[in-house]
């Protein structure tokens, strides 16, 4: 995986695709103001993420974890998150 970067504009092939997917979502007749989306792209070497409708990255991460938990449960598994100190985090 390459070094993570953050930008408000698409900066490579994958993030340009995520931007077009988000534009398609916004053009959908069932789209409503206030809908949120996280679009993931990966080509095996790099990844790209597009966020839409989120006030903050923290809000998007919380939704991502809730959806990931639901995917685990739908497959008869349990997702358990354990906080830890270290690894460059604040502690």
Protein backbone atom coordinates (compact mmCIF):
# COMPACT_ATOMS: atom_id res chain seq x y z
CA UNK A 1 0.00 0.00 0.00
CA UNK A 2 1.27 3.44 -0.85
CA UNK A 3 1.67 6.37 1.53
CA UNK A 4 -1.68 7.84 2.59
CA UNK A 5 -2.41 11.38 1.42
CA UNK A 6 -5.39 13.68 1.81
CA UNK A 7 -6.76 16.10 -0.74
CA UNK A 8 -10.05 17.86 -1.41
CA UNK A 9 -9.57 17.26 -5.15
CA UNK A 10 -9.09 13.98 -7.02
CA UNK A 11 -5.36 13.49 -7.54
CA UNK A 12 -5.01 10.16 -9.37
CA UNK A 13 -6.94 7.66 -11.49
CA UNK A 14 -8.69 5.96 -8.56
CA UNK A 15 -9.82 9.15 -6.84
CA UNK A 16 -11.05 10.55 -10.17
CA UNK A 17 -13.22 7.42 -10.51
CA UNK A 18 -14.57 7.85 -6.96
CA UNK A 19 -15.47 11.46 -7.81
CA UNK A 20 -17.45 10.31 -10.87
CA UNK A 21 -19.25 7.67 -8.79
CA UNK A 22 -20.22 10.36 -6.26
CA UNK A 23 -21.47 12.58 -9.12
CA UNK A 24 -23.61 9.66 -10.32
CA UNK A 25 -25.04 9.22 -6.82
CA UNK A 26 -25.92 12.92 -6.63
CA UNK A 27 -27.69 12.70 -10.04
CA UNK A 28 -29.80 9.70 -9.01
CA UNK A 29 -33.52 10.57 -8.80
CA UNK A 30 -33.74 9.01 -5.34
CA UNK A 31 -30.79 10.97 -3.95
CA UNK A 32 -31.72 13.21 -1.05
CA UNK A 33 -29.84 16.13 0.43
CA UNK A 34 -28.09 14.80 3.51
CA UNK A 35 -27.27 11.37 2.06
CA UNK A 36 -23.71 10.26 2.78
CA UNK A 37 -21.38 8.04 0.76
CA UNK A 38 -17.95 6.46 1.10
CA UNK A 39 -16.58 5.12 -2.18
CA UNK A 40 -13.59 2.76 -2.09
CA UNK A 41 -11.41 1.91 -5.08
CA UNK A 42 -8.40 -0.41 -5.12
CA UNK A 43 -6.26 -1.74 -7.96
CA UNK A 44 -4.17 -4.17 -5.90
CA UNK A 45 -1.34 -1.67 -5.45
CA UNK A 46 -3.05 1.56 -4.47
CA UNK A 47 -6.32 2.64 -3.01
CA UNK A 48 -8.58 5.64 -3.38
CA UNK A 49 -11.43 6.83 -1.20
CA UNK A 50 -14.08 9.41 -1.96
CA UNK A 51 -16.23 10.87 0.82
CA UNK A 52 -19.51 12.68 0.22
CA UNK A 53 -21.76 14.52 2.65
CA UNK A 54 -19.64 14.15 5.77
CA UNK A 55 -18.87 17.09 8.04
CA UNK A 56 -15.64 15.45 9.16
CA UNK A 57 -13.44 12.43 8.55
CA UNK A 58 -14.28 11.29 12.09
CA UNK A 59 -17.98 11.12 11.19
CA UNK A 60 -17.13 9.06 8.09
CA UNK A 61 -14.93 6.70 10.14
CA UNK A 62 -17.72 6.14 12.68
CA UNK A 63 -20.17 5.25 9.88
CA UNK A 64 -17.58 3.00 8.28
CA UNK A 65 -17.11 1.05 11.52
CA UNK A 66 -20.88 0.69 11.99
CA UNK A 67 -21.28 -0.67 8.45
CA UNK A 68 -18.30 -2.98 8.87
CA UNK A 69 -19.84 -4.31 12.10
CA UNK A 70 -23.10 -4.97 10.21
CA UNK A 71 -21.24 -6.85 7.46
CA UNK A 72 -19.59 -9.06 10.09
CA UNK A 73 -22.93 -9.74 11.80
CA UNK A 74 -24.65 -10.54 8.48
CA UNK A 75 -21.98 -13.22 8.02
CA UNK A 76 -22.43 -14.69 11.49
CA UNK A 77 -19.29 -13.10 12.89
CA UNK A 78 -18.53 -10.52 15.56
CA UNK A 79 -16.33 -7.49 15.03
CA UNK A 80 -14.56 -6.47 18.22
CA UNK A 81 -12.54 -3.26 18.35
CA UNK A 82 -9.88 -3.00 21.02
CA UNK A 83 -8.22 0.37 21.56
CA UNK A 84 -4.51 0.37 22.28
CA UNK A 85 -1.72 2.86 22.82
CA UNK A 86 1.34 3.08 20.66
CA UNK A 87 1.93 3.06 16.96
CA UNK A 88 2.21 6.83 16.76
CA UNK A 89 -1.18 7.56 18.28
CA UNK A 90 -1.84 9.92 21.13
CA UNK A 91 -1.73 8.23 24.46
